């Protein structure tokens, strides 16, 4: 089974959430056990958004490590977790019956002081993984945004500073590209016509820019809108770039 973990922020209903998921297991998840164990941890000191604070970071990481070790004892599959509304939910596809899980969770709760709730259900289609954990197209956009932001941070980027952020999209024909550009300029973007046009691979490229920060939540509101609209017009949004703004 392949391990390739991705982290991203999203909203669930009206609530902020974070998800850590093993996307590498997606191609072989049918081979994992048919029963799903979820262990729900209730935080002691979440912030006003229901998200964890640094005060509990080490304790919860240690608890998760113990959960992971228990999972690996019987070749179960820990596939991800969701954090929202003051709780963290761990998802494990398991061979085990409820009794050994209940014993382990009771011991874990007693030794860590955290309230833990266990639920085991049949999920032979692994639908909970696909429904709640696996990234949507918008989530993949956020993951990509976070990768670029991380690279900028390594270069000393001041995320709150104003950046000229360039966006790239490609279309099968000029008419679709022009409609996309018209929409973009009526929204929040500037069309860079001199850098737009036919490419060597016979697609029509559109270059846009906007001025803004590189804080993920703000930036992704732009990129998700572009991704959705490019797809609507039959094209593909290909990401963004900017130069690091280093605070003096």
Protein backbone atom coordinates (compact mmCIF):
# COMPACT_ATOMS: atom_id res chain seq x y z
CA UNK A 1 0.00 0.00 0.00
CA UNK A 2 1.33 3.40 -1.00
CA UNK A 3 1.75 6.28 1.45
CA UNK A 4 1.34 9.80 0.06
CA UNK A 5 -0.16 12.16 2.59
CA UNK A 6 -1.74 15.51 1.75
CA UNK A 7 -2.95 18.24 4.10
CA UNK A 8 -5.47 20.92 3.23
CA UNK A 9 -7.94 23.35 4.73
CA UNK A 10 -11.58 23.44 3.68
CA UNK A 11 -15.05 24.23 4.96
CA UNK A 12 -17.64 21.67 6.00
CA UNK A 13 -20.99 23.33 6.12
CA UNK A 14 -20.23 26.66 7.73
CA UNK A 15 -17.27 25.37 9.73
CA UNK A 16 -13.55 25.55 9.04
CA UNK A 17 -11.91 22.13 8.81
CA UNK A 18 -8.52 20.62 8.11
CA UNK A 19 -7.99 17.24 6.49
CA UNK A 20 -4.93 15.01 6.40
CA UNK A 21 -5.42 12.12 3.98
CA UNK A 22 -3.39 9.33 2.43
CA UNK A 23 -4.12 9.91 -1.26
CA UNK A 24 -1.52 7.31 -2.21
CA UNK A 25 -3.75 4.51 -0.98
CA UNK A 26 -6.62 5.56 -3.28
CA UNK A 27 -5.70 3.15 -6.09
CA UNK A 28 -5.50 0.17 -3.76
CA UNK A 29 -8.08 1.07 -1.14
CA UNK A 30 -10.36 -1.72 -2.34
CA UNK A 31 -7.81 -4.12 -0.83
CA UNK A 32 -8.16 -2.61 2.65
CA UNK A 33 -10.49 -4.18 5.22
CA UNK A 34 -14.27 -3.63 4.88
CA UNK A 35 -14.89 -2.29 8.38
CA UNK A 36 -14.31 1.36 9.28
CA UNK A 37 -13.29 2.38 12.79
CA UNK A 38 -13.53 6.07 13.61
CA UNK A 39 -12.03 7.44 16.79
CA UNK A 40 -13.22 10.93 17.70
CA UNK A 41 -11.06 13.03 20.01
CA UNK A 42 -12.52 16.09 21.73
CA UNK A 43 -10.04 18.92 22.23
CA UNK A 44 -9.73 20.52 25.63
CA UNK A 45 -8.79 24.03 24.47
CA UNK A 46 -9.85 24.65 20.85
CA UNK A 47 -9.76 28.20 19.51
CA UNK A 48 -12.83 30.27 18.64
CA UNK A 49 -13.02 28.57 15.21
CA UNK A 50 -13.05 25.11 16.76
CA UNK A 51 -9.49 24.43 15.61
CA UNK A 52 -6.62 23.14 17.79
CA UNK A 53 -4.01 25.40 19.37
CA UNK A 54 -0.31 24.85 19.98
CA UNK A 55 -1.09 24.12 23.63
CA UNK A 56 -2.34 20.64 22.69
CA UNK A 57 -0.13 19.92 19.70
CA UNK A 58 2.42 17.63 21.35
CA UNK A 59 -0.16 15.68 23.35
CA UNK A 60 -2.35 14.96 20.34
CA UNK A 61 0.62 14.04 18.13
CA UNK A 62 1.72 11.54 20.79
CA UNK A 63 -1.81 10.12 20.97
CA UNK A 64 -1.96 9.79 17.18
CA UNK A 65 1.41 8.00 17.16
CA UNK A 66 0.03 5.42 19.58
CA UNK A 67 -3.06 4.99 17.43
CA UNK A 68 -0.88 4.50 14.36
CA UNK A 69 1.23 1.90 16.15
CA UNK A 70 -1.91 -0.02 17.17
CA UNK A 71 -3.16 0.07 13.57
CA UNK A 72 0.11 -1.36 12.22
CA UNK A 73 0.07 -4.30 14.64
CA UNK A 74 -2.66 -5.98 12.59
CA UNK A 75 -2.04 -4.42 9.15
CA UNK A 76 -5.11 -2.22 9.34
CA UNK A 77 -5.14 0.96 7.24
CA UNK A 78 -5.10 4.42 8.81
CA UNK A 79 -6.29 6.56 5.89
CA UNK A 80 -6.82 10.05 7.27
CA UNK A 81 -8.28 12.44 9.78
CA UNK A 82 -10.62 15.43 9.90
CA UNK A 83 -10.30 18.26 12.41
CA UNK A 84 -13.31 20.54 12.94
CA UNK A 85 -15.66 21.93 15.57
CA UNK A 86 -13.31 21.16 18.45
CA UNK A 87 -12.80 17.53 17.46
CA UNK A 88 -10.39 15.35 15.48
CA UNK A 89 -11.76 12.20 13.80
CA UNK A 90 -9.36 9.41 12.86
CA UNK A 91 -10.39 6.99 10.07
CA UNK A 92 -9.07 3.41 10.07
CA UNK A 93 -10.13 0.49 7.88
CA UNK A 94 -9.76 -2.52 10.13
CA UNK A 95 -9.77 -6.32 10.36
CA UNK A 96 -10.45 -6.20 14.07
CA UNK A 97 -13.75 -6.67 15.83
CA UNK A 98 -15.13 -4.03 18.19
CA UNK A 99 -13.85 -5.59 21.44
CA UNK A 100 -10.08 -5.07 20.88
CA UNK A 101 -10.73 -1.58 19.57
CA UNK A 102 -12.88 -0.70 22.58
CA UNK A 103 -10.19 -1.98 24.95
CA UNK A 104 -7.47 0.02 23.19
CA UNK A 105 -9.49 3.24 23.03
CA UNK A 106 -10.45 2.95 26.71
CA UNK A 107 -6.79 2.58 27.69
CA UNK A 108 -5.76 5.43 25.41
CA UNK A 109 -8.37 7.76 26.86
CA UNK A 110 -7.40 6.84 30.41
CA UNK A 111 -3.70 7.43 29.89
CA UNK A 112 -4.01 10.69 27.91
CA UNK A 113 -6.96 12.34 29.65
CA UNK A 114 -8.76 12.94 26.35
CA UNK A 115 -12.37 12.09 25.70
CA UNK A 116 -12.40 9.51 22.90
CA UNK A 117 -15.41 8.00 21.16
CA UNK A 118 -15.26 4.84 19.05
CA UNK A 119 -17.57 3.84 16.23
CA UNK A 120 -17.22 0.81 13.96
CA UNK A 121 -19.34 0.29 10.87
CA UNK A 122 -19.36 -1.74 7.69
CA UNK A 123 -17.99 0.15 4.69
CA UNK A 124 -17.01 -2.43 2.07
CA UNK A 125 -17.11 0.18 -0.71
CA UNK A 126 -14.86 2.52 1.32
CA UNK A 127 -17.36 5.25 0.58
CA UNK A 128 -16.47 7.25 3.72
CA UNK A 129 -12.91 7.67 2.43
CA UNK A 130 -14.15 9.03 -0.89
CA UNK A 131 -16.92 11.15 0.61
CA UNK A 132 -15.15 12.78 3.53
CA UNK A 133 -11.37 12.52 3.03
CA UNK A 134 -10.33 12.35 -0.62
CA UNK A 135 -9.73 15.83 -2.07
CA UNK A 136 -12.31 17.43 -4.36
CA UNK A 137 -11.05 19.41 -7.39
CA UNK A 138 -11.21 22.57 -5.25
CA UNK A 139 -9.26 20.81 -2.50
CA UNK A 140 -6.57 19.82 -4.99
CA UNK A 141 -6.32 23.48 -5.94
CA UNK A 142 -5.76 24.40 -2.29
CA UNK A 143 -3.09 21.69 -2.01
CA UNK A 144 -1.32 23.14 -5.04
CA UNK A 145 -1.59 26.66 -3.63
CA UNK A 146 -0.06 25.52 -0.35
CA UNK A 147 2.88 23.90 -2.20
CA UNK A 148 3.69 27.20 -3.95
CA UNK A 149 3.25 29.20 -0.73
CA UNK A 150 5.63 26.84 1.06
CA UNK A 151 8.27 27.40 -1.63
CA UNK A 152 7.82 31.17 -1.34
CA UNK A 153 8.16 30.99 2.44
CA UNK A 154 11.49 29.19 2.06
CA UNK A 155 12.60 32.18 0.00
CA UNK A 156 11.65 34.52 2.86
CA UNK A 157 8.31 35.70 1.49
CA UNK A 158 6.25 38.17 3.51
CA UNK A 159 2.81 36.65 3.00
CA UNK A 160 0.95 39.80 4.04
CA UNK A 161 2.73 42.04 1.52
CA UNK A 162 1.23 42.98 -1.84
CA UNK A 163 2.37 40.73 -4.69
CA UNK A 164 1.70 40.82 -8.41
CA UNK A 165 0.37 37.30 -8.85
CA UNK A 166 0.29 35.82 -12.36
CA UNK A 167 -2.24 33.16 -13.38
CA UNK A 168 -2.11 30.77 -16.31
CA UNK A 169 -4.97 29.05 -18.15
CA UNK A 170 -5.20 27.18 -21.45
CA UNK A 171 -8.07 26.60 -23.87
CA UNK A 172 -8.67 24.56 -27.03
CA UNK A 173 -9.72 27.61 -29.06
CA UNK A 174 -9.42 31.37 -29.01
CA UNK A 175 -13.16 31.99 -28.60
CA UNK A 176 -13.29 30.09 -25.29
CA UNK A 177 -10.15 31.84 -24.11
CA UNK A 178 -11.61 35.26 -24.92
CA UNK A 179 -14.82 34.50 -23.04
CA UNK A 180 -12.75 33.45 -20.04
CA UNK A 181 -10.65 36.63 -20.25
CA UNK A 182 -13.78 38.78 -20.51
CA UNK A 183 -15.18 37.16 -17.38
CA UNK A 184 -11.86 37.59 -15.55
CA UNK A 185 -11.57 41.29 -16.31
CA UNK A 186 -15.15 41.84 -15.14
CA UNK A 187 -14.21 40.16 -11.87
CA UNK A 188 -10.94 40.81 -10.01
CA UNK A 189 -8.24 40.25 -12.62
CA UNK A 190 -6.18 42.06 -15.23
CA UNK A 191 -5.83 40.45 -18.67
CA UNK A 192 -2.21 40.43 -19.88
CA UNK A 193 -2.92 40.30 -23.61
CA UNK A 194 0.70 40.59 -24.79
CA UNK A 195 1.54 37.35 -22.94
CA UNK A 196 -1.56 35.50 -24.14
CA UNK A 197 -2.04 33.59 -27.38
CA UNK A 198 -1.38 30.33 -29.17
CA UNK A 199 1.19 27.97 -27.68
CA UNK A 200 3.45 25.38 -29.28
CA UNK A 201 1.08 22.59 -28.24
CA UNK A 202 -1.79 24.31 -30.06
CA UNK A 203 -3.69 25.57 -27.06
CA UNK A 204 -4.62 29.20 -26.49
CA UNK A 205 -3.00 30.54 -23.34
CA UNK A 206 -4.47 33.27 -21.17
CA UNK A 207 -2.31 35.24 -18.75
CA UNK A 208 -3.98 37.14 -15.93
CA UNK A 209 -2.76 38.85 -12.83
CA UNK A 210 -4.08 40.32 -9.64
CA UNK A 211 -2.46 42.22 -6.79
CA UNK A 212 -2.82 40.59 -3.40
CA UNK A 213 -1.20 38.70 -0.55
CA UNK A 214 -0.06 35.07 -0.44
CA UNK A 215 -2.09 34.06 2.61
CA UNK A 216 -3.63 30.73 1.62
CA UNK A 217 -7.25 31.50 2.48
CA UNK A 218 -7.19 34.78 0.56
CA UNK A 219 -5.23 33.46 -2.39
CA UNK A 220 -7.30 30.32 -2.85
CA UNK A 221 -10.46 32.41 -3.19
CA UNK A 222 -8.92 33.66 -6.46
CA UNK A 223 -7.51 30.36 -7.70
CA UNK A 224 -10.63 28.31 -7.01
CA UNK A 225 -12.76 30.84 -8.91
CA UNK A 226 -10.33 30.64 -11.86
CA UNK A 227 -10.23 26.85 -11.83
CA UNK A 228 -14.01 26.57 -11.86
CA UNK A 229 -14.49 29.19 -14.57
CA UNK A 230 -11.75 27.81 -16.81
CA UNK A 231 -13.38 24.39 -16.63
CA UNK A 232 -16.77 25.93 -17.39
CA UNK A 233 -15.35 27.44 -20.60
CA UNK A 234 -13.75 24.14 -21.65
CA UNK A 235 -10.21 24.97 -20.57
CA UNK A 236 -7.82 24.26 -17.74
CA UNK A 237 -6.41 26.51 -15.05
CA UNK A 238 -2.69 25.78 -14.80
CA UNK A 239 -1.74 27.57 -11.60
CA UNK A 240 -0.04 30.75 -10.52
CA UNK A 241 3.31 32.27 -9.72
CA UNK A 242 4.83 35.34 -8.13
CA UNK A 243 8.15 36.59 -6.81
CA UNK A 244 8.83 36.39 -3.11
CA UNK A 245 8.49 39.75 -1.36
CA UNK A 246 11.15 39.71 1.32
CA UNK A 247 10.55 41.97 4.30
CA UNK A 248 13.41 44.43 4.72
